[in-house]
Each structure stands twice: as structure tokens, then as C-alpha cells.
Amino acid sequence: SAIYSALTLVSRFLGLARDLVITARLGASQTIAADAYYTALTFPNLFRRMFAEGAFAAAFVPDYSKRLASEGKEAADRFAADALATMAAATVAITLVCELAMPWIMRVYSYGFLDDPAKFKLAVILTMITMPYLPCMVIAALFAGVLTARGRFIIYGLYPSLLNVVMLAAVLPQHDPTRAAYAASIAVIVAGVSQAALCWWGAHRSGARIHPRHLRLTPQMMVLIRRMVPGVIASSATQINLFISAMLASQVDGMRTWLNVAERFYQLPLSLVGVAIGVALLPRLSTA
């Protein structure tokens, strides 16, 4: 918990720097760039919170930990490889559907932007750029879960910082708000791939041998999916609230930016204390 909290604190300071730079470059209500960018950032995060960090982690880590303790490393890694294929296929499918339907989805999610065609178009393009962040995060979450089950917490606490570092590097040189919004959105994808690669490398270094394989809906995968369902439903309640709030906020210029910045403050104690204890405790409880 102490390791995770300390690294999360580092990530939060970097996140503060990222938000300072982005809001300085993009503004809030004076340009179309800020609301369009925060729309692009929030949309894949809605799915990420429902699948990658919520329901999937809560279902996968206990199963992997128990198999590691009772059946050995090879059986646990085969289970993880099947889970990787299943979740990657599911999130890639969601991403493709969203990419194809984005103009129509945005008419619902950001109906307040319809009065400003330029803002609406920019929001659609930027969100299409950031959507592939979802499968990257599911892959990162799986390998991060493997690391915690094996008692390794440094990379789990460190990998979120990559997003902040990459985005700072991308946005700092920009001075035009729209160009800065494009740079930040592209940086999200670069960071997602980097985060997934770092977690895979860490899992490999810890002794896990999890390689891509073809999709197989084994009985174990069906059990994993069934265990995810309550978590998805529970997460959906919060995410639907956020979805509706974002819809309403789209009617006021700058509102999504203000809400996003304000949200950072209440997330700090949650991640430093509650999440840190949960991350450290879950694999130990599962093994016991």
C-alpha cells in the first residue's frame, strides 16, 4: 500500500502539471479546443472504468491469484492468456463500433455542441483518435493484475505516470489551442501503447509467460465473464450518472473543462488511501 500510494502521489503531481499545461494551452470557454479535447479524453475513460479498472480487475485478480497458489504458474499463465485474448477481442469490437458510429453517438453525448459545428466536428475527430486507448488499458490492466498477484507493485503504481509524461511532452511545445488538442489526443494513444508495453515487460520480468493466442471461450472464461457482470452493472450506475452529467454540461461553453479539473481533487484521497489498500489486499485475500 505504501509503495502504491507513494507512486500514485508522484503520478498526481505529474497530473497536476499536465492539467496546468493543458488548460493553459487550450483554455476553457474561450476556444472550442478545450471542451472537444476533454470530450475525447472522457469518452474512452467511461468504458475503461467499467471494464479495465473495475469489473475486469475485480474478477481477474482473485482467479489468477488462486490458480497461481493452487495450480502453479503455468496454469495461471494459460488462464491469463485466454483472458487477454477474450478482453482484447471484446474491447477492440467496442472500439470499432464506436469509431464507426461516433458522429451519431456524439449527437447524443454532446448535443450541446450541435449549435457550434466546428466544435462538434473537432470533438468527433478527437474522440475517434482517443478511442483505441480502451483496448490498451485492458491489456495494461491484465498485466498489472498479474504483477499484483505476484507481489509486485512498483510498475502497477508507476505506469499511470507515463500518460502524464507523454502528454506533457506533446502539449508543451504547442501554442495554438486546436493543434494542442490534436497533440494531446495523439499522446493519449502513444501513452496507452507505452503503458501496456511497460506492464507486459514487468510481468515478463516477474516470471509470467503470457503470450497472445487465439480466442477461446473456455468454461473458465465464461465463469470470468459471469463474475464481471455484477461489477459492470455496479460501475455502470456511476458511469451513467457521469454520462448524463456530461450531456448536460455540453450546453455550457467550458463546463466540461471545469468539471474535469474539479474532479481531480476528490480523486486524490480516494487513490492514495482507498485504492492503494484495495490493490495490496485483493491478491492476498484471494490466495488465502
C-alpha atoms as a PDB file:
ATOM      1  CA  SER A   1       0.000   0.000   0.000  1.00  0.00           C
ATOM      2  CA  ALA A   2       2.841   2.399   0.859  1.00  0.00           C
ATOM      3  CA  ILE A   3       4.613   1.701  -2.453  1.00  0.00           C
ATOM      4  CA  TYR A   4       1.426   2.185  -4.460  1.00  0.00           C
ATOM      5  CA  SER A   5       0.451   5.346  -2.532  1.00  0.00           C
ATOM      6  CA  ALA A   6       3.892   6.907  -2.967  1.00  0.00           C
ATOM      7  CA  LEU A   7       3.966   6.236  -6.716  1.00  0.00           C
ATOM      8  CA  THR A   8       0.366   7.398  -7.068  1.00  0.00           C
ATOM      9  CA  LEU A   9       1.334  10.655  -5.345  1.00  0.00           C
ATOM     10  CA  VAL A  10       4.116  11.102  -7.929  1.00  0.00           C
ATOM     11  CA  SER A  11       1.561  10.444 -10.679  1.00  0.00           C
ATOM     12  CA  ARG A  12      -0.839  13.004  -9.176  1.00  0.00           C
ATOM     13  CA  PHE A  13       1.830  15.709  -9.092  1.00  0.00           C
ATOM     14  CA  LEU A  14       2.628  14.945 -12.726  1.00  0.00           C
ATOM     15  CA  GLY A  15      -1.112  15.005 -13.433  1.00  0.00           C
ATOM     16  CA  LEU A  16      -1.350  18.441 -11.831  1.00  0.00           C
ATOM     17  CA  ALA A  17       1.464  19.645 -14.091  1.00  0.00           C
ATOM     18  CA  ARG A  18      -0.296  18.086 -17.096  1.00  0.00           C
ATOM     19  CA  ASP A  19      -3.590  19.806 -16.262  1.00  0.00           C
ATOM     20  CA  LEU A  20      -1.867  23.156 -15.715  1.00  0.00           C
ATOM     21  CA  VAL A  21      -0.167  22.941 -19.107  1.00  0.00           C
ATOM     22  CA  ILE A  22      -3.262  21.690 -20.972  1.00  0.00           C
ATOM     23  CA  THR A  23      -5.608  24.285 -19.508  1.00  0.00           C
ATOM     24  CA  ALA A  24      -3.022  26.995 -20.206  1.00  0.00           C
ATOM     25  CA  ARG A  25      -2.700  25.893 -23.839  1.00  0.00           C
ATOM     26  CA  LEU A  26      -6.369  25.056 -24.516  1.00  0.00           C
ATOM     27  CA  GLY A  27      -8.186  27.452 -22.187  1.00  0.00           C
ATOM     28  CA  ALA A  28     -11.730  26.588 -21.134  1.00  0.00           C
ATOM     29  CA  SER A  29     -14.654  28.549 -22.544  1.00  0.00           C
ATOM     30  CA  GLN A  30     -12.798  30.908 -24.878  1.00  0.00           C
ATOM     31  CA  THR A  31     -11.918  28.296 -27.530  1.00  0.00           C
ATOM     32  CA  ILE A  32     -13.589  25.200 -28.983  1.00  0.00           C
ATOM     33  CA  ALA A  33     -10.477  23.101 -28.309  1.00  0.00           C
ATOM     34  CA  ALA A  34     -10.801  22.539 -24.559  1.00  0.00           C
ATOM     35  CA  ASP A  35     -14.318  21.075 -24.484  1.00  0.00           C
ATOM     36  CA  ALA A  36     -13.604  18.966 -27.582  1.00  0.00           C
ATOM     37  CA  TYR A  37     -10.420  17.575 -26.020  1.00  0.00           C
ATOM     38  CA  TYR A  38     -11.999  16.747 -22.647  1.00  0.00           C
ATOM     39  CA  THR A  39     -14.825  15.033 -24.518  1.00  0.00           C
ATOM     40  CA  ALA A  40     -12.245  12.930 -26.354  1.00  0.00           C
ATOM     41  CA  LEU A  41     -10.495  12.100 -23.075  1.00  0.00           C
ATOM     42  CA  THR A  42     -13.655  11.297 -21.113  1.00  0.00           C
ATOM     43  CA  PHE A  43     -15.425   9.048 -23.619  1.00  0.00           C
ATOM     44  CA  PRO A  44     -12.959   6.085 -23.693  1.00  0.00           C
ATOM     45  CA  ASN A  45     -12.486   6.549 -19.927  1.00  0.00           C
ATOM     46  CA  LEU A  46     -16.179   5.788 -19.391  1.00  0.00           C
ATOM     47  CA  PHE A  47     -15.624   2.309 -20.838  1.00  0.00           C
ATOM     48  CA  ARG A  48     -12.201   1.951 -19.199  1.00  0.00           C
ATOM     49  CA  ARG A  49     -13.659   2.479 -15.732  1.00  0.00           C
ATOM     50  CA  MET A  50     -16.437  -0.001 -16.418  1.00  0.00           C
ATOM     51  CA  PHE A  51     -14.248  -2.761 -17.875  1.00  0.00           C
ATOM     52  CA  ALA A  52     -10.499  -2.393 -17.410  1.00  0.00           C
ATOM     53  CA  GLU A  53     -10.071  -0.984 -13.912  1.00  0.00           C
ATOM     54  CA  GLY A  54     -13.367  -2.032 -12.377  1.00  0.00           C
ATOM     55  CA  ALA A  55     -15.152  -5.236 -13.245  1.00  0.00           C
ATOM     56  CA  PHE A  56     -12.285  -6.979 -15.052  1.00  0.00           C
ATOM     57  CA  ALA A  57      -9.637  -6.362 -12.375  1.00  0.00           C
ATOM     58  CA  ALA A  58     -12.031  -7.398  -9.595  1.00  0.00           C
ATOM     59  CA  ALA A  59     -12.860 -10.670 -11.389  1.00  0.00           C
ATOM     60  CA  PHE A  60      -9.447 -11.493 -12.872  1.00  0.00           C
ATOM     61  CA  VAL A  61      -7.021 -10.875  -9.984  1.00  0.00           C
ATOM     62  CA  PRO A  62      -8.703 -13.273  -7.496  1.00  0.00           C
ATOM     63  CA  ASP A  63      -8.934 -16.066 -10.098  1.00  0.00           C
ATOM     64  CA  TYR A  64      -5.347 -15.627 -11.237  1.00  0.00           C
ATOM     65  CA  SER A  65      -4.086 -15.466  -7.622  1.00  0.00           C
ATOM     66  CA  LYS A  66      -5.944 -18.635  -6.646  1.00  0.00           C
ATOM     67  CA  ARG A  67      -4.659 -20.530  -9.698  1.00  0.00           C
ATOM     68  CA  LEU A  68      -1.132 -19.308  -9.006  1.00  0.00           C
ATOM     69  CA  ALA A  69      -1.328 -20.671  -5.454  1.00  0.00           C
ATOM     70  CA  SER A  70      -3.170 -23.931  -6.138  1.00  0.00           C
ATOM     71  CA  GLU A  71      -2.349 -24.996  -9.730  1.00  0.00           C
ATOM     72  CA  GLY A  72       1.046 -23.430 -10.386  1.00  0.00           C
ATOM     73  CA  LYS A  73       2.461 -20.729 -12.634  1.00  0.00           C
ATOM     74  CA  GLU A  74       1.844 -22.447 -15.993  1.00  0.00           C
ATOM     75  CA  ALA A  75      -1.877 -22.994 -15.360  1.00  0.00           C
ATOM     76  CA  ALA A  76      -2.281 -19.438 -14.091  1.00  0.00           C
ATOM     77  CA  ASP A  77      -0.495 -18.018 -17.145  1.00  0.00           C
ATOM     78  CA  ARG A  78      -2.651 -20.077 -19.536  1.00  0.00           C
ATOM     79  CA  PHE A  79      -5.727 -18.645 -17.821  1.00  0.00           C
ATOM     80  CA  ALA A  80      -4.277 -15.126 -18.181  1.00  0.00           C
ATOM     81  CA  ALA A  81      -3.528 -15.699 -21.882  1.00  0.00           C
ATOM     82  CA  ASP A  82      -7.144 -16.765 -22.513  1.00  0.00           C
ATOM     83  CA  ALA A  83      -8.379 -13.726 -20.560  1.00  0.00           C
ATOM     84  CA  LEU A  84      -6.093 -11.483 -22.611  1.00  0.00           C
ATOM     85  CA  ALA A  85      -7.496 -12.814 -25.905  1.00  0.00           C
ATOM     86  CA  THR A  86     -11.112 -12.532 -24.678  1.00  0.00           C
ATOM     87  CA  MET A  87     -10.866  -8.994 -23.295  1.00  0.00           C
ATOM     88  CA  ALA A  88      -8.749  -7.698 -26.170  1.00  0.00           C
ATOM     89  CA  ALA A  89     -11.281  -9.022 -28.700  1.00  0.00           C
ATOM     90  CA  ALA A  90     -14.219  -7.556 -26.761  1.00  0.00           C
ATOM     91  CA  THR A  91     -12.696  -4.099 -26.353  1.00  0.00           C
ATOM     92  CA  VAL A  92     -11.434  -3.946 -29.945  1.00  0.00           C
ATOM     93  CA  ALA A  93     -15.001  -4.749 -31.074  1.00  0.00           C
ATOM     94  CA  ILE A  94     -16.410  -1.986 -28.828  1.00  0.00           C
ATOM     95  CA  THR A  95     -13.798   0.423 -30.171  1.00  0.00           C
ATOM     96  CA  LEU A  96     -14.620  -0.379 -33.813  1.00  0.00           C
ATOM     97  CA  VAL A  97     -18.370   0.068 -33.226  1.00  0.00           C
ATOM     98  CA  CYS A  98     -17.761   3.409 -31.510  1.00  0.00           C
ATOM     99  CA  GLU A  99     -15.418   4.566 -34.271  1.00  0.00           C
ATOM    100  CA  LEU A 100     -17.981   3.807 -36.979  1.00  0.00           C
ATOM    101  CA  ALA A 101     -20.917   5.288 -35.053  1.00  0.00           C
ATOM    102  CA  MET A 102     -19.085   8.249 -33.464  1.00  0.00           C
ATOM    103  CA  PRO A 103     -20.929  11.074 -35.314  1.00  0.00           C
ATOM    104  CA  TRP A 104     -24.289   9.660 -34.158  1.00  0.00           C
ATOM    105  CA  ILE A 105     -23.056   8.851 -30.636  1.00  0.00           C
ATOM    106  CA  MET A 106     -21.730  12.398 -30.300  1.00  0.00           C
ATOM    107  CA  ARG A 107     -25.141  13.809 -31.260  1.00  0.00           C
ATOM    108  CA  VAL A 108     -26.453  12.234 -28.059  1.00  0.00           C
ATOM    109  CA  TYR A 109     -23.413  12.591 -25.799  1.00  0.00           C
ATOM    110  CA  SER A 110     -22.620  16.176 -26.843  1.00  0.00           C
ATOM    111  CA  TYR A 111     -25.909  17.500 -28.156  1.00  0.00           C
ATOM    112  CA  GLY A 112     -24.986  20.935 -26.811  1.00  0.00           C
ATOM    113  CA  PHE A 113     -22.156  21.087 -29.370  1.00  0.00           C
ATOM    114  CA  LEU A 114     -24.585  20.930 -32.303  1.00  0.00           C
ATOM    115  CA  ASP A 115     -25.000  24.697 -32.147  1.00  0.00           C
ATOM    116  CA  ASP A 116     -21.280  25.019 -32.970  1.00  0.00           C
ATOM    117  CA  PRO A 117     -20.468  22.777 -35.972  1.00  0.00           C
ATOM    118  CA  ALA A 118     -16.719  23.379 -35.653  1.00  0.00           C
ATOM    119  CA  LYS A 119     -16.667  22.234 -32.012  1.00  0.00           C
ATOM    120  CA  PHE A 120     -18.870  19.227 -32.823  1.00  0.00           C
ATOM    121  CA  LYS A 121     -16.621  18.142 -35.710  1.00  0.00           C
ATOM    122  CA  LEU A 122     -13.464  18.575 -33.614  1.00  0.00           C
ATOM    123  CA  ALA A 123     -14.979  16.552 -30.756  1.00  0.00           C
ATOM    124  CA  VAL A 124     -15.855  13.701 -33.151  1.00  0.00           C
ATOM    125  CA  ILE A 125     -12.363  13.611 -34.697  1.00  0.00           C
ATOM    126  CA  LEU A 126     -10.502  13.803 -31.379  1.00  0.00           C
ATOM    127  CA  THR A 127     -12.676  11.103 -29.801  1.00  0.00           C
ATOM    128  CA  MET A 128     -12.042   8.819 -32.782  1.00  0.00           C
ATOM    129  CA  ILE A 129      -8.325   9.361 -32.172  1.00  0.00           C
ATOM    130  CA  THR A 130      -8.508   8.508 -28.457  1.00  0.00           C
ATOM    131  CA  MET A 131     -10.905   5.510 -28.558  1.00  0.00           C
ATOM    132  CA  PRO A 132      -8.137   2.892 -29.149  1.00  0.00           C
ATOM    133  CA  TYR A 133      -6.916   3.814 -25.659  1.00  0.00           C
ATOM    134  CA  LEU A 134      -9.576   1.391 -24.353  1.00  0.00           C
ATOM    135  CA  PRO A 135      -8.010  -1.922 -25.531  1.00  0.00           C
ATOM    136  CA  CYS A 136      -4.569  -0.625 -24.495  1.00  0.00           C
ATOM    137  CA  MET A 137      -5.865  -0.077 -20.960  1.00  0.00           C
ATOM    138  CA  VAL A 138      -7.460  -3.531 -20.770  1.00  0.00           C
ATOM    139  CA  ILE A 139      -4.147  -5.122 -21.771  1.00  0.00           C
ATOM    140  CA  ALA A 140      -2.278  -2.955 -19.246  1.00  0.00           C
ATOM    141  CA  ALA A 141      -4.826  -3.837 -16.525  1.00  0.00           C
ATOM    142  CA  LEU A 142      -4.395  -7.566 -17.143  1.00  0.00           C
ATOM    143  CA  PHE A 143      -0.611  -7.476 -16.870  1.00  0.00           C
ATOM    144  CA  ALA A 144      -0.844  -5.104 -13.892  1.00  0.00           C
ATOM    145  CA  GLY A 145      -3.161  -7.642 -12.229  1.00  0.00           C
ATOM    146  CA  VAL A 146      -0.598 -10.369 -12.885  1.00  0.00           C
ATOM    147  CA  LEU A 147       2.061  -8.206 -11.230  1.00  0.00           C
ATOM    148  CA  THR A 148      -0.020  -7.588  -8.097  1.00  0.00           C
ATOM    149  CA  ALA A 149      -0.851 -11.297  -7.822  1.00  0.00           C
ATOM    150  CA  ARG A 150       2.891 -11.968  -7.872  1.00  0.00           C
ATOM    151  CA  GLY A 151       3.504  -9.352  -5.179  1.00  0.00           C
ATOM    152  CA  ARG A 152       4.985  -6.690  -7.480  1.00  0.00           C
ATOM    153  CA  PHE A 153       3.516  -3.210  -7.043  1.00  0.00           C
ATOM    154  CA  ILE A 154       6.103  -0.744  -8.381  1.00  0.00           C
ATOM    155  CA  ILE A 155       5.117  -0.903 -12.061  1.00  0.00           C
ATOM    156  CA  TYR A 156       1.417  -1.006 -11.112  1.00  0.00           C
ATOM    157  CA  GLY A 157       1.870   2.305  -9.304  1.00  0.00           C
ATOM    158  CA  LEU A 158       4.244   3.740 -11.899  1.00  0.00           C
ATOM    159  CA  TYR A 159       2.560   3.058 -15.226  1.00  0.00           C
ATOM    160  CA  PRO A 160      -0.185   5.754 -14.915  1.00  0.00           C
ATOM    161  CA  SER A 161       2.604   8.382 -14.773  1.00  0.00           C
ATOM    162  CA  LEU A 162       3.521   7.544 -18.373  1.00  0.00           C
ATOM    163  CA  LEU A 163       0.316   9.180 -19.597  1.00  0.00           C
ATOM    164  CA  ASN A 164       1.188  12.427 -17.829  1.00  0.00           C
ATOM    165  CA  VAL A 165       4.797  12.469 -19.065  1.00  0.00           C
ATOM    166  CA  VAL A 166       3.882  11.727 -22.704  1.00  0.00           C
ATOM    167  CA  MET A 167       1.107  14.331 -22.728  1.00  0.00           C
ATOM    168  CA  LEU A 168       3.350  16.981 -21.179  1.00  0.00           C
ATOM    169  CA  ALA A 169       5.961  16.322 -23.860  1.00  0.00           C
ATOM    170  CA  ALA A 170       3.331  16.546 -26.612  1.00  0.00           C
ATOM    171  CA  VAL A 171       1.459  19.651 -25.427  1.00  0.00           C
ATOM    172  CA  LEU A 172       4.253  21.871 -24.038  1.00  0.00           C
ATOM    173  CA  PRO A 173       5.655  22.864 -27.475  1.00  0.00           C
ATOM    174  CA  GLN A 174       2.184  23.769 -28.816  1.00  0.00           C
ATOM    175  CA  HIS A 175       0.786  27.310 -28.765  1.00  0.00           C
ATOM    176  CA  ASP A 176      -2.309  27.058 -30.965  1.00  0.00           C
ATOM    177  CA  PRO A 177      -5.244  25.601 -28.949  1.00  0.00           C
ATOM    178  CA  THR A 178      -6.524  23.339 -31.728  1.00  0.00           C
ATOM    179  CA  ARG A 179      -3.060  21.966 -32.515  1.00  0.00           C
ATOM    180  CA  ALA A 180      -2.521  21.401 -28.801  1.00  0.00           C
ATOM    181  CA  ALA A 181      -5.799  19.443 -28.614  1.00  0.00           C
ATOM    182  CA  TYR A 182      -4.710  17.219 -31.527  1.00  0.00           C
ATOM    183  CA  ALA A 183      -1.283  16.709 -29.918  1.00  0.00           C
ATOM    184  CA  ALA A 184      -2.842  15.777 -26.569  1.00  0.00           C
ATOM    185  CA  SER A 185      -5.255  13.300 -28.192  1.00  0.00           C
ATOM    186  CA  ILE A 186      -2.498  11.572 -30.170  1.00  0.00           C
ATOM    187  CA  ALA A 187      -0.400  11.475 -26.992  1.00  0.00           C
ATOM    188  CA  VAL A 188      -3.191   9.502 -25.282  1.00  0.00           C
ATOM    189  CA  ILE A 189      -2.722   6.661 -27.791  1.00  0.00           C
ATOM    190  CA  VAL A 190       1.089   6.777 -27.602  1.00  0.00           C
ATOM    191  CA  ALA A 191       0.839   6.644 -23.810  1.00  0.00           C
ATOM    192  CA  GLY A 192      -1.682   3.773 -23.907  1.00  0.00           C
ATOM    193  CA  VAL A 193       0.619   1.614 -26.030  1.00  0.00           C
ATOM    194  CA  SER A 194       3.571   2.538 -23.782  1.00  0.00           C
ATOM    195  CA  GLN A 195       1.626   1.665 -20.621  1.00  0.00           C
ATOM    196  CA  ALA A 196       0.570  -1.724 -21.994  1.00  0.00           C
ATOM    197  CA  ALA A 197       4.165  -2.433 -23.096  1.00  0.00           C
ATOM    198  CA  LEU A 198       5.592  -1.446 -19.691  1.00  0.00           C
ATOM    199  CA  CYS A 199       3.134  -3.694 -17.811  1.00  0.00           C
ATOM    200  CA  TRP A 200       3.872  -6.598 -20.186  1.00  0.00           C
ATOM    201  CA  TRP A 201       7.620  -6.108 -19.660  1.00  0.00           C
ATOM    202  CA  GLY A 202       7.154  -6.010 -15.883  1.00  0.00           C
ATOM    203  CA  ALA A 203       5.039  -9.169 -15.899  1.00  0.00           C
ATOM    204  CA  HIS A 204       7.618 -10.916 -18.098  1.00  0.00           C
ATOM    205  CA  ARG A 205      10.419  -9.875 -15.720  1.00  0.00           C
ATOM    206  CA  SER A 206       8.420 -11.260 -12.784  1.00  0.00           C
ATOM    207  CA  GLY A 207       8.376 -14.691 -14.446  1.00  0.00           C
ATOM    208  CA  ALA A 208       4.957 -14.641 -16.127  1.00  0.00           C
ATOM    209  CA  ARG A 209       4.867 -16.169 -19.592  1.00  0.00           C
ATOM    210  CA  ILE A 210       1.675 -14.820 -21.130  1.00  0.00           C
ATOM    211  CA  HIS A 211       1.635 -14.778 -24.928  1.00  0.00           C
ATOM    212  CA  PRO A 212      -1.115 -13.783 -27.406  1.00  0.00           C
ATOM    213  CA  ARG A 213      -3.276 -16.693 -28.510  1.00  0.00           C
ATOM    214  CA  HIS A 214      -6.477 -17.251 -30.468  1.00  0.00           C
ATOM    215  CA  LEU A 215      -9.814 -16.523 -28.843  1.00  0.00           C
ATOM    216  CA  ARG A 216     -11.196 -19.466 -26.854  1.00  0.00           C
ATOM    217  CA  LEU A 217     -14.371 -19.133 -24.797  1.00  0.00           C
ATOM    218  CA  THR A 218     -13.410 -21.895 -22.352  1.00  0.00           C
ATOM    219  CA  PRO A 219     -15.568 -22.724 -19.295  1.00  0.00           C
ATOM    220  CA  GLN A 220     -13.072 -20.714 -17.207  1.00  0.00           C
ATOM    221  CA  MET A 221     -13.612 -17.673 -19.441  1.00  0.00           C
ATOM    222  CA  MET A 222     -17.377 -17.997 -19.150  1.00  0.00           C
ATOM    223  CA  VAL A 223     -17.021 -18.042 -15.356  1.00  0.00           C
ATOM    224  CA  LEU A 224     -14.790 -14.939 -15.541  1.00  0.00           C
ATOM    225  CA  ILE A 225     -17.347 -13.137 -17.717  1.00  0.00           C
ATOM    226  CA  ARG A 226     -20.184 -14.073 -15.337  1.00  0.00           C
ATOM    227  CA  ARG A 227     -18.181 -12.709 -12.421  1.00  0.00           C
ATOM    228  CA  MET A 228     -17.617  -9.463 -14.307  1.00  0.00           C
ATOM    229  CA  VAL A 229     -21.334  -8.854 -14.834  1.00  0.00           C
ATOM    230  CA  PRO A 230     -22.126  -7.559 -11.296  1.00  0.00           C
ATOM    231  CA  GLY A 231     -19.062  -5.306 -11.457  1.00  0.00           C
ATOM    232  CA  VAL A 232     -20.101  -3.904 -14.833  1.00  0.00           C
ATOM    233  CA  ILE A 233     -23.608  -3.238 -13.516  1.00  0.00           C
ATOM    234  CA  ALA A 234     -22.227  -1.554 -10.382  1.00  0.00           C
ATOM    235  CA  SER A 235     -19.796   0.564 -12.408  1.00  0.00           C
ATOM    236  CA  SER A 236     -22.482   1.392 -14.937  1.00  0.00           C
ATOM    237  CA  ALA A 237     -24.572   3.214 -12.329  1.00  0.00           C
ATOM    238  CA  THR A 238     -21.759   5.686 -11.677  1.00  0.00           C
ATOM    239  CA  GLN A 239     -20.732   5.922 -15.324  1.00  0.00           C
ATOM    240  CA  ILE A 240     -24.321   6.546 -16.483  1.00  0.00           C
ATOM    241  CA  ASN A 241     -24.505   9.394 -13.967  1.00  0.00           C
ATOM    242  CA  LEU A 242     -21.281  10.819 -15.390  1.00  0.00           C
ATOM    243  CA  PHE A 243     -22.562  10.300 -18.945  1.00  0.00           C
ATOM    244  CA  ILE A 244     -25.753  12.252 -18.223  1.00  0.00           C
ATOM    245  CA  SER A 245     -23.826  14.973 -16.379  1.00  0.00           C
ATOM    246  CA  ALA A 246     -21.521  15.332 -19.384  1.00  0.00           C
ATOM    247  CA  MET A 247     -24.508  15.542 -21.730  1.00  0.00           C
ATOM    248  CA  LEU A 248     -25.974  18.399 -19.687  1.00  0.00           C
ATOM    249  CA  ALA A 249     -22.581  20.090 -19.376  1.00  0.00           C
ATOM    250  CA  SER A 250     -22.209  20.166 -23.171  1.00  0.00           C
ATOM    251  CA  GLN A 251     -24.774  23.011 -23.235  1.00  0.00           C
ATOM    252  CA  VAL A 252     -22.404  25.436 -21.461  1.00  0.00           C
ATOM    253  CA  ASP A 253     -19.097  26.505 -23.034  1.00  0.00           C
ATOM    254  CA  GLY A 254     -16.195  25.421 -20.836  1.00  0.00           C
ATOM    255  CA  MET A 255     -18.307  23.376 -18.412  1.00  0.00           C
ATOM    256  CA  ARG A 256     -16.721  20.026 -19.250  1.00  0.00           C
ATOM    257  CA  THR A 257     -13.269  21.510 -18.725  1.00  0.00           C
ATOM    258  CA  TRP A 258     -14.198  22.977 -15.335  1.00  0.00           C
ATOM    259  CA  LEU A 259     -15.774  19.708 -14.173  1.00  0.00           C
ATOM    260  CA  ASN A 260     -12.760  17.677 -15.285  1.00  0.00           C
ATOM    261  CA  VAL A 261     -10.329  19.896 -13.396  1.00  0.00           C
ATOM    262  CA  ALA A 262     -12.523  19.898 -10.276  1.00  0.00           C
ATOM    263  CA  GLU A 263     -12.796  16.088 -10.385  1.00  0.00           C
ATOM    264  CA  ARG A 264      -9.044  15.750  -9.833  1.00  0.00           C
ATOM    265  CA  PHE A 265      -9.297  16.979  -6.236  1.00  0.00           C
ATOM    266  CA  TYR A 266     -11.693  14.381  -4.889  1.00  0.00           C
ATOM    267  CA  GLN A 267      -9.846  11.590  -6.724  1.00  0.00           C
ATOM    268  CA  LEU A 268      -6.608  12.279  -4.805  1.00  0.00           C
ATOM    269  CA  PRO A 269      -7.540  10.875  -1.349  1.00  0.00           C
ATOM    270  CA  LEU A 270      -9.510   8.067  -2.985  1.00  0.00           C
ATOM    271  CA  SER A 271      -6.476   6.827  -4.930  1.00  0.00           C
ATOM    272  CA  LEU A 272      -3.888   7.465  -2.198  1.00  0.00           C
ATOM    273  CA  VAL A 273      -5.795   5.621   0.556  1.00  0.00           C
ATOM    274  CA  GLY A 274      -8.780   3.548  -0.555  1.00  0.00           C
ATOM    275  CA  VAL A 275      -7.483   2.206  -3.867  1.00  0.00           C
ATOM    276  CA  ALA A 276      -3.960   1.651  -2.509  1.00  0.00           C
ATOM    277  CA  ILE A 277      -5.186  -0.592   0.322  1.00  0.00           C
ATOM    278  CA  GLY A 278      -7.523  -2.461  -2.024  1.00  0.00           C
ATOM    279  CA  VAL A 279      -4.784  -3.101  -4.594  1.00  0.00           C
ATOM    280  CA  ALA A 280      -2.442  -4.550  -1.960  1.00  0.00           C
ATOM    281  CA  LEU A 281      -5.112  -6.557  -0.131  1.00  0.00           C
ATOM    282  CA  LEU A 282      -7.005  -8.208  -3.016  1.00  0.00           C
ATOM    283  CA  PRO A 283      -4.363 -10.754  -4.165  1.00  0.00           C
ATOM    284  CA  ARG A 284      -3.544 -11.723  -0.558  1.00  0.00           C
ATOM    285  CA  LEU A 285      -7.192 -12.321   0.302  1.00  0.00           C
ATOM    286  CA  SER A 286      -7.620 -14.323  -2.919  1.00  0.00           C
ATOM    287  CA  THR A 287      -4.595 -16.530  -2.190  1.00  0.00           C
ATOM    288  CA  ALA A 288      -5.851 -17.105   1.386  1.00  0.00           C
END
